Protein backbone atom coordinates (compact mmCIF):
# COMPACT_ATOMS: atom_id res chain seq x y z
CA MET A 1 125.21 99.51 176.19
CA PHE A 2 127.58 102.63 175.33
CA LYS A 3 127.34 102.31 171.63
CA GLY A 4 124.85 105.15 171.36
CA PHE A 5 126.95 107.38 173.40
CA PHE A 6 130.23 106.70 171.41
CA TYR A 7 128.34 106.98 168.18
CA PHE A 8 126.88 110.51 169.21
CA LEU A 9 130.35 111.49 170.51
CA ALA A 10 131.84 110.62 167.14
CA GLU A 11 128.90 112.49 165.40
CA CYS A 12 129.38 115.56 167.32
CA TRP A 13 133.21 115.48 166.80
CA LYS A 14 132.60 115.67 163.04
CA VAL A 15 129.89 118.31 163.42
CA ASN A 16 131.65 120.60 166.08
CA TRP A 17 134.49 119.15 168.06
CA LYS A 18 134.31 122.10 170.56
CA PHE A 19 131.23 120.87 172.10
CA PRO A 20 132.25 117.40 173.52
CA VAL A 21 135.61 118.93 174.65
CA LEU A 22 133.73 121.57 176.75
CA VAL A 23 131.29 119.01 178.02
CA PHE A 24 134.36 116.91 179.19
CA PHE A 25 136.00 119.75 180.94
CA GLU A 26 132.87 120.98 182.71
CA LYS A 27 132.17 117.56 183.86
CA LEU A 28 135.75 117.52 184.98
CA LEU A 29 135.58 120.71 186.94
CA GLU A 30 132.25 119.49 188.54
CA ALA A 31 134.05 116.37 189.96
CA ILE A 32 137.12 118.48 191.18
CA GLN A 33 134.71 120.65 193.02
CA VAL A 34 133.25 117.70 194.80
CA VAL A 35 136.52 116.58 195.96
CA PHE A 36 137.75 119.82 196.93
CA PHE A 37 134.54 120.79 199.26
CA ALA A 38 134.79 117.21 200.75
CA VAL A 39 138.49 117.63 201.84
CA LEU A 40 139.34 121.12 202.83
CA PRO A 41 136.81 121.69 205.37
CA LYS A 42 138.36 119.15 207.52
CA PHE A 43 141.73 120.95 207.59
CA ILE A 44 140.10 124.26 208.43
CA ILE A 45 138.09 122.79 211.39
CA ASP A 46 141.19 120.94 212.64
CA ALA A 47 143.38 124.17 212.39
CA ILE A 48 140.87 126.22 214.42
CA PHE A 49 139.35 123.72 216.83
CA ILE A 50 141.90 120.99 217.29
CA GLU A 51 145.29 122.86 216.78
CA GLN A 52 143.92 126.36 217.39
CA ASN A 53 146.41 127.79 214.97
CA ARG A 54 144.78 130.94 213.60
CA ASP A 55 147.44 131.71 210.79
CA ARG A 56 147.06 128.12 209.54
CA GLY A 57 143.24 128.39 209.68
CA LEU A 58 143.30 131.79 207.74
CA ILE A 59 145.56 130.10 205.16
CA TYR A 60 143.11 127.16 204.75
CA ILE A 61 140.20 129.69 204.50
CA ILE A 62 141.88 131.70 201.73
CA ILE A 63 142.79 128.49 199.94
CA PHE A 64 139.12 127.31 200.24
CA VAL A 65 137.60 130.74 199.27
CA GLY A 66 140.10 131.20 196.47
CA GLY A 67 139.69 127.67 195.14
CA PHE A 68 135.81 128.04 195.41
CA PHE A 69 136.03 131.25 193.37
CA ALA A 70 138.30 129.81 190.80
CA ILE A 71 136.51 126.59 190.05
CA SER A 72 133.12 128.63 189.96
CA PHE A 73 134.62 131.06 187.61
CA MET A 74 136.08 128.49 185.26
CA ILE A 75 132.71 126.61 185.38
CA ARG A 76 130.71 129.80 184.58
CA VAL A 77 133.16 130.69 181.78
CA LEU A 78 132.82 127.10 180.37
CA GLY A 79 129.03 127.24 180.82
CA GLY A 80 128.88 130.44 178.62
CA ILE A 81 131.21 128.99 175.92
CA ASP A 82 129.11 125.83 176.21
CA TYR A 83 125.83 127.58 175.63
CA ILE A 84 127.27 129.09 172.51
CA GLU A 85 128.81 125.92 171.03
CA THR A 86 125.62 123.77 172.17
CA ASN A 87 123.40 126.14 169.94
CA ARG A 88 126.07 126.19 167.27
CA THR A 89 125.94 122.35 167.34
CA VAL A 90 122.07 122.29 167.32
CA ASN A 91 122.01 124.67 164.35
CA ARG A 92 124.42 122.34 162.47
CA TYR A 93 122.46 119.23 163.33
CA ASP A 94 119.39 121.18 162.25
CA ALA A 95 120.98 122.06 158.90
CA LYS A 96 122.06 118.27 158.63
CA PHE A 97 118.17 117.39 158.98
CA VAL A 98 117.03 119.99 156.51
CA ASN A 99 119.74 119.06 154.05
CA ARG A 100 118.69 115.47 154.36
CA LEU A 101 115.00 116.41 153.77
CA LEU A 102 115.76 118.59 150.74
CA HIS A 103 117.86 115.84 149.16
CA ALA A 104 115.70 112.75 149.86
CA GLN A 105 113.51 111.20 147.40
CA TYR A 106 110.20 112.91 146.93
CA GLN A 107 108.74 109.66 147.00
CA THR A 108 110.28 109.10 150.53
CA ILE A 109 109.52 112.24 152.29
CA GLU A 110 105.77 112.37 151.29
CA THR A 111 105.11 109.17 153.44
CA PRO A 112 104.09 109.39 157.04
CA GLU A 113 106.38 106.56 157.91
CA PHE A 114 109.20 108.63 156.91
CA LEU A 115 108.13 111.78 158.78
CA ASP A 116 107.65 109.73 161.98
CA LYS A 117 110.87 108.25 161.53
CA THR A 118 112.49 111.61 161.36
CA MET A 119 110.77 112.82 164.41
CA ARG A 120 112.16 109.62 166.39
CA ALA A 121 115.64 110.43 164.97
CA ARG A 122 115.40 114.17 166.45
CA GLN A 123 114.69 112.44 169.90
CA TYR A 124 118.15 111.05 170.00
CA VAL A 125 119.84 114.39 169.08
CA ASN A 126 117.61 116.58 171.15
CA GLY A 127 117.30 114.50 174.08
CA MET A 128 114.66 114.75 176.49
CA GLN A 129 114.65 116.40 179.98
CA GLY A 130 118.45 116.97 179.58
CA GLY A 131 117.97 118.73 176.40
CA PHE A 132 120.33 118.62 173.25
CA GLY A 133 123.21 116.07 173.53
CA GLU A 134 121.77 114.42 176.89
CA VAL A 135 123.49 111.09 176.09
CA LEU A 136 126.92 112.71 175.42
CA ARG A 137 126.46 114.67 178.90
CA GLN A 138 125.58 111.41 180.63
CA GLY A 139 128.37 109.43 179.09
CA MET A 140 130.86 112.00 180.03
CA GLY A 141 129.37 112.34 183.37
CA ILE A 142 129.82 108.48 183.93
CA PHE A 143 133.74 108.61 183.21
CA VAL A 144 134.35 111.59 185.10
CA GLN A 145 132.19 110.65 188.11
CA ALA A 146 134.09 107.37 188.12
CA LEU A 147 137.22 109.37 188.85
CA THR A 148 135.52 111.37 191.51
CA LEU A 149 134.53 107.94 193.22
CA VAL A 150 137.97 106.74 193.37
CA SER A 151 139.16 109.78 195.29
CA LEU A 152 136.16 109.79 197.39
CA GLY A 153 136.29 106.08 198.01
CA ALA A 154 139.94 106.29 198.98
CA ILE A 155 138.92 108.78 201.82
CA ILE A 156 136.01 106.66 203.02
CA PHE A 157 138.12 103.42 202.92
CA THR A 158 140.31 104.92 205.56
CA LEU A 159 137.23 104.96 207.83
CA SER A 160 135.74 101.44 207.11
CA PRO A 161 135.70 99.39 203.81
CA ILE A 162 132.45 98.16 205.11
CA VAL A 163 130.75 101.43 204.69
CA ILE A 164 131.68 101.57 201.20
CA LEU A 165 130.30 98.09 200.47
CA GLY A 166 127.08 98.89 202.36
CA LEU A 167 126.53 102.26 200.41
CA SER A 168 127.42 100.47 197.13
CA VAL A 169 124.67 97.82 197.88
CA ALA A 170 122.23 100.24 198.50
CA VAL A 171 122.72 102.31 195.34
CA VAL A 172 122.76 99.11 193.25
CA ILE A 173 119.36 98.37 194.52
CA GLN A 174 118.45 101.96 193.75
CA GLY A 175 119.64 101.45 190.26
CA VAL A 176 117.80 98.27 189.68
CA LEU A 177 114.58 99.59 190.76
CA MET A 178 115.15 102.62 188.56
CA SER A 179 115.79 100.76 185.65
CA ARG A 180 112.69 98.64 186.13
CA PHE A 181 110.46 101.65 186.37
CA THR A 182 112.10 103.79 183.76
CA ALA A 183 112.29 101.27 181.12
CA PRO A 184 108.77 102.04 179.67
CA ILE A 185 109.26 105.79 179.80
CA ARG A 186 111.74 105.91 176.72
CA GLN A 187 109.25 103.73 174.75
CA TYR A 188 106.30 106.07 175.57
CA ARG A 189 108.39 108.92 174.56
CA MET A 190 109.13 107.30 171.25
CA GLU A 191 105.45 106.74 170.63
CA MET A 192 104.56 110.31 171.80
CA ALA A 193 107.13 111.89 169.17
CA VAL A 194 104.73 110.59 166.40
CA VAL A 195 101.64 112.23 168.12
CA GLN A 196 103.78 115.45 168.75
CA ARG A 197 104.44 115.66 164.91
CA ARG A 198 100.79 115.37 164.23
CA LYS A 199 100.02 118.05 166.67
CA SER A 200 102.66 120.13 165.16
CA TYR A 201 100.73 119.99 161.93
CA PHE A 202 97.73 121.87 163.36
CA GLU A 203 99.86 124.50 164.96
CA GLU A 204 101.65 125.01 161.58
CA LYS A 205 98.49 125.32 159.77
CA ALA A 206 96.76 127.59 162.36
CA GLN A 207 99.32 130.12 161.81
CA ASP A 208 99.86 129.64 157.87
CA PHE A 209 97.89 132.44 156.28
CA GLN A 210 97.11 130.51 153.08
CA TYR A 211 94.85 128.25 155.36
CA GLY A 212 93.41 131.26 157.13
CA LYS A 213 90.93 132.16 154.57
CA ASP A 214 89.15 128.78 154.28
CA LEU A 215 89.38 128.45 158.09
CA ARG A 216 87.53 131.57 158.52
CA ASN A 217 85.13 131.42 155.34
CA TYR A 218 83.80 128.03 156.53
CA ASP A 219 83.81 129.11 160.09
CA THR A 220 85.95 125.90 161.06
CA GLY A 221 87.83 127.52 164.01
CA ASN A 222 85.94 125.26 166.71
CA TRP A 223 86.09 122.14 164.42
CA PHE A 224 89.71 122.63 163.83
CA GLN A 225 90.36 123.51 167.45
CA ASN A 226 88.69 120.19 168.51
CA LYS A 227 90.83 118.13 166.23
CA PHE A 228 93.87 120.01 167.80
CA LEU A 229 92.56 119.12 171.18
CA GLU A 230 92.41 115.49 170.34
CA GLN A 231 95.97 115.32 169.57
CA GLN A 232 96.61 117.15 172.89
CA ASN A 233 94.57 114.71 174.79
CA LYS A 234 96.77 111.74 173.40
CA ILE A 235 99.92 113.47 174.46
CA LEU A 236 98.33 114.11 177.82
CA GLN A 237 97.79 110.29 178.18
CA PHE A 238 101.38 109.74 177.54
CA PHE A 239 102.37 112.24 180.24
CA LYS A 240 99.94 110.59 182.89
CA LYS A 241 101.71 107.28 182.11
CA VAL A 242 105.16 108.82 182.47
CA ALA A 243 104.07 110.74 185.70
CA ARG A 244 103.05 107.43 187.18
CA LEU A 245 106.26 105.87 186.50
CA ASN A 246 108.19 108.99 187.65
CA PHE A 247 106.32 108.73 191.05
CA LEU A 248 107.55 105.13 191.52
CA VAL A 249 111.17 106.19 190.60
CA GLY A 250 110.96 108.93 193.07
CA LEU A 251 109.58 106.73 195.83
CA SER A 252 112.22 104.04 195.33
CA GLU A 253 114.89 106.70 195.14
CA GLY A 254 113.80 108.40 198.39
CA PHE A 255 113.59 105.03 200.29
CA CYS A 256 117.19 104.11 199.06
CA LEU A 257 118.52 107.53 199.98
CA ALA A 258 117.07 107.45 203.35
CA ALA A 259 118.70 103.94 203.97
CA GLN A 260 121.97 105.34 202.70
CA TYR A 261 121.85 108.23 205.02
CA ALA A 262 120.87 106.25 207.96
CA MET A 263 123.57 103.87 207.37
CA ALA A 264 126.25 106.58 207.10
CA TYR A 265 125.16 108.83 209.91
CA PHE A 266 124.55 105.98 212.52
CA PHE A 267 128.10 104.76 211.73
CA LEU A 268 129.71 108.20 212.10
CA PHE A 269 127.35 108.84 215.23
CA TYR A 270 128.92 105.65 216.75
CA GLN A 271 132.55 106.67 215.50
CA ALA A 272 132.42 110.09 216.91
CA PHE A 273 130.90 109.12 220.61
CA SER A 274 133.66 106.34 220.73
CA GLY A 275 136.21 108.94 220.26
CA LYS A 276 137.66 107.45 217.09
CA ILE A 277 137.23 110.50 214.97
CA GLY A 278 137.12 114.29 215.64
CA VAL A 279 135.26 117.20 214.29
CA GLY A 280 137.07 117.68 211.28
CA ASP A 281 137.08 114.05 210.68
CA PHE A 282 133.38 113.73 211.08
CA THR A 283 132.74 116.79 208.72
CA MET A 284 134.93 115.28 205.96
CA TYR A 285 133.53 111.73 206.19
CA VAL A 286 130.07 113.06 206.10
CA THR A 287 130.69 115.15 203.03
CA ALA A 288 132.78 112.46 201.37
CA ILE A 289 130.08 109.57 202.10
CA THR A 290 127.37 111.84 201.01
CA SER A 291 129.12 112.84 197.82
CA PHE A 292 130.14 109.26 197.36
CA PHE A 293 126.77 107.66 197.27
CA SER A 294 125.33 110.72 195.42
CA GLY A 295 127.91 110.39 192.60
CA LEU A 296 127.43 106.52 192.56
CA GLY A 297 123.64 107.13 192.28
CA MET A 298 124.39 109.40 189.32
CA ILE A 299 126.40 107.04 187.62
CA ILE A 300 123.81 104.29 187.93
CA THR A 301 121.13 106.64 186.93
CA ASP A 302 123.33 107.71 183.86
CA ILE A 303 123.88 104.02 182.82
CA VAL A 304 120.32 103.37 182.99
CA GLN A 305 119.40 106.27 181.09
CA ILE A 306 122.07 105.44 178.43
CA ARG A 307 120.74 101.99 178.17
CA HIS A 308 117.19 102.98 177.76
CA PHE A 309 118.68 105.73 175.24
CA LYS A 310 119.42 102.84 172.84
CA ILE A 311 115.86 103.10 171.62
CA PHE A 312 116.42 106.68 170.30
CA TYR A 313 119.88 105.54 168.86
CA GLN A 314 118.30 102.65 166.94
CA ALA A 315 115.73 105.26 165.62
CA TYR A 316 118.68 107.53 164.41
CA LYS A 317 120.49 104.77 162.97
CA GLU A 318 117.45 103.60 161.06
CA TYR A 319 116.82 107.04 159.77
CA ILE A 320 120.44 107.88 158.83
CA ASP A 321 120.66 104.50 157.14
CA THR A 322 117.51 104.87 155.26
CA PRO A 323 118.88 104.96 151.58
CA ILE A 324 117.20 108.17 150.52
CA GLU A 325 119.74 109.90 148.52
CA GLN A 326 119.04 110.24 144.99
CA LEU A 327 121.75 108.55 142.46
CA SER A 328 124.77 110.60 141.87
CA ASN A 329 127.28 109.57 139.42
CA ASP A 330 129.21 110.79 136.20
CA ASN A 331 126.50 109.57 133.77
CA LYS A 332 125.59 113.07 132.48
CA PRO A 333 124.66 112.46 128.76
CA ALA A 334 124.39 115.82 126.78
CA LEU A 335 121.17 115.85 124.80
CA PRO A 336 121.74 115.56 121.15
CA GLU A 337 119.81 117.95 118.70
CA ARG A 338 117.23 115.11 118.49
CA PHE A 339 116.15 112.99 121.42
CA GLU A 340 113.52 110.47 122.31
CA VAL A 341 111.52 109.56 125.74
CA ALA A 342 110.15 106.11 125.85
CA PHE A 343 107.82 104.71 128.37
CA GLU A 344 108.22 100.87 128.39
CA ASP A 345 105.12 99.21 129.84
CA VAL A 346 105.38 101.30 132.96
CA SER A 347 103.09 100.87 135.97
CA PHE A 348 103.12 102.48 139.38
CA LYS A 349 101.16 102.21 142.76
CA TYR A 350 101.26 104.49 145.71
CA GLY A 351 102.66 102.90 148.90
CA SER A 352 100.51 100.00 149.86
CA ALA A 353 97.65 100.87 147.72
CA GLU A 354 95.81 98.03 145.86
CA ASN A 355 95.12 99.62 142.52
CA PHE A 356 97.57 101.04 140.14
CA ALA A 357 97.64 104.85 139.60
CA LEU A 358 99.45 104.05 136.33
CA GLU A 359 99.17 100.72 134.37
CA ASN A 360 101.13 99.36 131.44
CA VAL A 361 101.76 102.79 129.84
CA SER A 362 103.84 102.68 126.78
CA VAL A 363 104.37 105.71 124.73
CA LYS A 364 106.99 107.54 122.81
CA PHE A 365 107.57 111.30 122.16
CA ASN A 366 110.59 113.43 120.89
CA ASN A 367 112.08 116.84 121.57
CA LYS A 368 110.22 118.58 118.78
CA GLU A 369 106.60 117.76 119.99
CA ARG A 370 104.27 119.70 121.88
CA ILE A 371 102.06 117.33 123.59
CA ALA A 372 98.69 117.73 125.46
CA ILE A 373 97.91 115.20 128.34
CA ILE A 374 94.32 115.25 129.10
CA GLY A 375 91.85 113.22 131.31
CA GLU A 376 89.56 113.30 134.23
CA ASN A 377 90.80 113.71 137.86
CA GLY A 378 92.60 110.69 138.94
CA ALA A 379 93.05 109.43 135.50
CA GLY A 380 96.99 109.34 135.88
CA LYS A 381 98.17 112.44 134.25
CA SER A 382 100.21 113.98 137.19
CA THR A 383 101.61 110.51 138.12
CA PHE A 384 102.77 110.21 134.46
CA VAL A 385 104.73 113.39 134.72
CA LYS A 386 106.24 112.68 138.22
CA LEU A 387 107.54 109.48 136.90
CA LEU A 388 109.10 111.11 133.99
CA MET A 389 110.89 113.53 136.42
CA ARG A 390 111.95 110.59 138.64
CA LEU A 391 110.03 112.15 141.56
CA TYR A 392 108.58 108.53 141.77
CA LYS A 393 110.10 105.31 140.56
CA PRO A 394 108.14 102.98 138.35
CA THR A 395 106.62 99.81 140.09
CA SER A 396 107.39 98.14 136.99
CA GLY A 397 108.68 98.81 133.52
CA ARG A 398 111.28 101.30 132.69
CA ILE A 399 111.65 105.00 131.22
CA LEU A 400 114.16 105.72 128.76
CA LEU A 401 116.03 108.79 127.38
CA ASN A 402 117.64 108.14 124.16
CA GLY A 403 117.78 104.50 125.02
CA VAL A 404 119.29 104.95 128.61
CA ASP A 405 117.17 104.08 131.67
CA ILE A 406 116.57 107.47 133.29
CA ASN A 407 117.38 106.05 136.75
CA GLU A 408 121.13 105.23 135.91
CA ILE A 409 121.47 109.04 134.93
CA ASP A 410 122.90 111.53 137.61
CA TYR A 411 119.73 112.70 139.45
CA GLU A 412 120.87 116.46 139.98
CA TYR A 413 122.02 116.65 136.20
CA TYR A 414 118.67 114.94 135.07
CA GLN A 415 116.68 117.62 136.95
CA THR A 416 118.15 120.45 134.86
CA LEU A 417 116.59 118.80 131.70
CA PHE A 418 113.17 119.91 133.21
CA ALA A 419 111.36 123.25 133.53
CA THR A 420 108.04 122.54 135.35
CA VAL A 421 105.08 124.51 136.66
CA PHE A 422 103.23 122.22 138.78
CA GLN A 423 99.65 122.49 139.44
CA ASP A 424 100.12 123.17 143.05
CA PHE A 425 103.25 125.04 142.41
CA LYS A 426 104.79 127.01 145.56
CA LEU A 427 106.25 130.51 145.58
CA PHE A 428 108.67 131.35 148.50
CA SER A 429 108.64 134.30 150.86
CA PHE A 430 111.55 135.60 149.12
CA SER A 431 111.80 138.44 146.28
CA ILE A 432 109.79 138.02 143.14
CA ARG A 433 113.13 138.02 141.43
CA ASP A 434 114.44 135.17 143.68
CA ASN A 435 111.24 133.21 142.91
CA ILE A 436 112.10 133.23 139.19
CA THR A 437 115.86 133.13 139.13
CA PHE A 438 116.64 131.24 142.48
CA GLY A 439 119.60 133.31 142.96
CA SER A 440 121.36 132.44 139.82
CA GLU A 441 124.19 134.44 138.80
CA GLN A 442 123.18 137.40 136.56
CA THR A 443 124.83 138.48 133.36
CA LYS A 444 123.73 141.09 130.75
CA GLU A 445 122.28 138.29 128.50
CA SER A 446 120.48 136.54 131.40
CA GLU A 447 119.08 140.07 132.29
CA ALA A 448 117.86 140.84 128.85
CA ARG A 449 116.10 137.25 128.58
CA LEU A 450 114.57 137.95 132.07
CA GLU A 451 113.15 141.14 130.94
CA LYS A 452 111.60 139.59 127.94
CA ILE A 453 110.21 136.78 129.83
CA LEU A 454 108.70 139.41 132.32
CA ARG A 455 107.14 141.46 129.68
CA THR A 456 105.70 138.38 127.80
CA THR A 457 104.15 136.74 130.87
CA GLY A 458 102.69 140.08 132.26
CA VAL A 459 104.90 139.95 135.28
CA ALA A 460 106.39 143.36 134.32
CA GLU A 461 103.25 144.87 134.41
CA MET A 462 102.26 143.42 137.59
CA VAL A 463 105.37 144.55 139.57
CA GLU A 464 105.31 148.22 137.96
CA GLY A 465 103.10 149.20 141.05
CA LEU A 466 105.27 147.92 143.63
CA GLU A 467 107.62 150.22 145.57
CA HIS A 468 110.52 147.70 145.22
CA GLY A 469 109.52 146.19 141.74
CA LEU A 470 111.02 142.90 141.00
CA ASP A 471 112.72 143.00 144.38
CA THR A 472 109.62 142.97 146.52
CA ASN A 473 109.30 140.17 148.86
CA MET A 474 106.64 137.80 148.50
CA TYR A 475 104.02 137.29 151.34
CA ARG A 476 104.43 138.84 154.81
CA ASP A 477 106.60 136.30 156.51
CA PHE A 478 109.78 138.44 156.53
CA ASP A 479 108.26 141.72 155.35
CA ASP A 480 104.94 143.33 156.50
CA ALA A 481 104.90 145.23 153.13
CA GLY A 482 105.24 141.99 151.21
CA PHE A 483 103.30 141.22 148.06
CA THR A 484 100.58 138.59 148.19
CA PRO A 485 99.67 137.64 144.65
CA SER A 486 96.34 136.49 143.48
CA GLY A 487 96.03 132.84 141.86
CA GLY A 488 96.47 134.33 138.30
CA GLN A 489 99.66 136.41 139.37
CA GLY A 490 101.22 133.64 141.18
CA GLN A 491 100.90 131.51 138.21
CA LYS A 492 102.32 133.90 135.87
CA ILE A 493 105.37 134.10 138.18
CA ALA A 494 105.58 130.31 138.27
CA ILE A 495 105.47 130.50 134.36
CA ALA A 496 108.22 133.06 134.13
CA ARG A 497 110.31 130.83 136.55
CA ALA A 498 109.93 127.85 134.04
CA ALA A 499 110.56 129.95 131.12
CA TYR A 500 113.77 131.44 132.83
CA LYS A 501 115.24 127.94 133.61
CA ASP A 502 115.61 127.49 129.64
CA SER A 503 115.51 123.44 129.86
CA PRO A 504 114.98 121.29 126.97
CA ILE A 505 111.86 119.60 128.34
CA VAL A 506 108.96 121.64 129.54
CA ILE A 507 106.16 120.43 131.64
CA LEU A 508 103.09 122.66 132.54
CA ASP A 509 100.60 120.94 134.95
CA GLU A 510 97.49 122.77 134.75
CA PRO A 511 99.47 125.92 133.57
CA THR A 512 96.34 128.27 133.20
CA ALA A 513 93.97 126.94 135.75
CA ALA A 514 94.06 130.13 137.75
CA LEU A 515 93.61 132.40 134.66
CA ASP A 516 90.54 133.66 132.65
CA PRO A 517 90.11 132.39 129.07
CA ARG A 518 91.40 135.59 127.49
CA ALA A 519 94.70 135.33 129.72
CA GLU A 520 94.70 131.69 129.00
CA ASN A 521 94.78 132.15 125.32
CA GLN A 522 97.43 134.85 125.63
CA ILE A 523 99.65 132.60 127.59
CA TYR A 524 99.27 129.71 125.26
CA GLU A 525 100.12 131.92 122.33
CA GLN A 526 103.26 132.89 123.96
CA PHE A 527 104.29 129.31 124.79
CA ASP A 528 105.61 129.06 121.26
CA GLU A 529 107.92 131.76 121.76
CA PHE A 530 109.08 130.67 125.26
CA PHE A 531 109.41 126.91 124.34
CA LYS A 532 110.03 126.56 120.63
CA ASP A 533 111.98 123.67 119.52
CA ARG A 534 111.67 122.08 122.87
CA CYS A 535 109.77 119.09 124.09
CA SER A 536 106.45 120.46 125.73
CA LEU A 537 103.79 118.62 127.98
CA TYR A 538 100.71 120.41 128.67
CA ILE A 539 98.64 118.63 131.44
CA SER A 540 95.09 120.15 131.55
CA HIS A 541 91.53 119.69 132.26
CA ARG A 542 90.59 122.21 129.65
CA MET A 543 90.47 120.95 126.00
CA ALA A 544 91.62 124.30 124.55
CA VAL A 545 95.16 123.03 125.28
CA THR A 546 94.85 120.69 122.37
CA LYS A 547 94.51 123.66 119.83
CA PHE A 548 98.20 124.38 120.74
CA SER A 549 99.48 120.96 120.66
CA ASP A 550 100.86 118.63 118.05
CA ARG A 551 99.44 115.47 119.65
CA THR A 552 97.26 114.52 122.64
CA LEU A 553 97.50 111.85 124.97
CA VAL A 554 94.19 110.81 126.55
CA PHE A 555 94.32 109.13 130.00
CA ASP A 556 91.51 107.17 131.69
CA GLY A 557 91.71 104.77 134.63
CA GLY A 558 95.62 104.86 134.64
CA ARG A 559 96.11 103.97 131.07
CA ILE A 560 96.49 105.94 127.77
CA VAL A 561 93.33 105.09 125.92
CA GLN A 562 93.78 107.51 123.14
CA ASP A 563 96.70 108.98 121.19
CA GLY A 564 96.48 111.45 118.24
CA THR A 565 95.85 114.86 116.90
CA HIS A 566 92.72 116.80 117.59
CA ALA A 567 91.25 116.09 114.10
CA SER A 568 91.82 112.31 114.35
CA LEU A 569 90.59 112.09 117.98
CA ILE A 570 87.38 114.24 117.48
CA ALA A 571 86.40 112.04 114.39
CA VAL A 572 85.85 108.92 116.31
CA ASP A 573 83.71 108.00 119.42
CA GLY A 574 85.92 107.73 122.50
CA LYS A 575 87.03 109.48 125.64
CA TYR A 576 88.45 112.45 124.04
CA LYS A 577 85.39 113.33 122.01
CA GLU A 578 83.27 112.76 125.28
CA LEU A 579 85.29 115.08 127.34
CA TYR A 580 85.37 117.56 124.39
CA ASP A 581 81.52 117.52 123.94
CA LEU A 582 81.16 117.79 127.61
CA GLN A 583 83.02 120.99 127.83
CA ALA A 584 81.75 122.50 124.68
CA GLN A 585 78.17 122.39 125.96
CA TYR A 586 79.06 124.99 128.50
CA TYR A 587 80.05 127.42 125.97
CA THR A 588 77.08 126.73 123.62
CA ASP A 589 74.20 126.36 126.07
């Protein structure tokens, strides 16, 4: 039952040990405060009304006020530190989640199952009504409240053991009812976490300026809003279910509390009128009994909550234990002057899809070849490249680099072998320089190479009119004067980024899709200078790419249906000639 608490305690200790220590001392002070307020008023009342000793009464009052101030001050101080350390711990947990997402397999993070699992895992860390570290505070509260109950129980025991037994039975009944009514709530909230993630999608896209043009141009505001409201309504249904259960919890809790108060006060009423206790004793016992069953109720509530919290704990463990880390080892083979890549009967399908995106592909190419990869949409071109880059793992077959299975090579090292411009490349809201160099250390040689790349790609001309030149921020997320590039300008930056990485294998997925024919021709002419003596793969719908390639792979239906030079392929009837003639007619008609 307490496995989730102890696991979170150990996790928090590693992340930020100050946080659990502060929580413990806060709970301890709260317990001391309860006992202090239960006992001391008795001595003040007895000194004033029974003993009629003014000096002693004043001393007790000073002790009471001083103790109240000291405890309250310490609680406030710890509360302020707690606020800082809680947020520090939250930030570190957020960093932990982000780090896990950044280093997870691409094939894993793009699945909705993994995203839903991530959202559920956050519920364990963030808690619900109690906020971050809810399970830790509840667990600490149980242990500290137990100490309080021992002290209060000793006071009440001097009055009557039967009272303790009666109150305990009433509280246990309250706990059983609470457990029964609250059990479904956690499950509801787990299910709601998935809907919350989907609702967040709409909120993110509504404030993402890159989606703003389409949303306005197609007048889709109301349509998009309605889809957002659908998710809100689903969440509202969960809230209604939780509200009904909370009503039952409140009703049972109120009934049990009324029974506890009735039992305590009627017994004390009888004791007072029988002359067995005085005013001071009456005050102390009332406070002690009230605090006792209140504390016992809190313990049972916390136990029930922690028991139900195991759903979140299991989700967090499932998330943490998911093997998503890429292979890290010492296998970092340096590429020789000549190397070869080989696909051996490689097939791949997405998730639970019935059809293969790539099927029985076998092909070889070496580091000196410039290869054009062409085919219609859905032919398998991009999947082929993602498998080569290890963004996906083959469903069957294997890919070899100089005879070594690429999945046995250190992942981070393997990624250094590629410089890629994806069809849907992304630029970040940092400076143009950072978008190209990614903060790599600058030397005189790298600066000179960067300047050459900027001139060749046209980025230098593009940034000349900007106030901060290459250090101008992209977009307006962090800078109102940020630079928003056109499609062609963004593509030039992405190409400059690939050239700057200086990797032995270059992949250009639709590298000139956003460029006009003249700019396209200029870019391809410069590729030889950028990537000479390197393995270059050009993925394109445009047949013009074959003019700059040594060899062309034609994809159709997830297979390589043709392989050869432009001259050899155009000379025979096949997919290549079909696509070539289809595009040529738009230039000749």
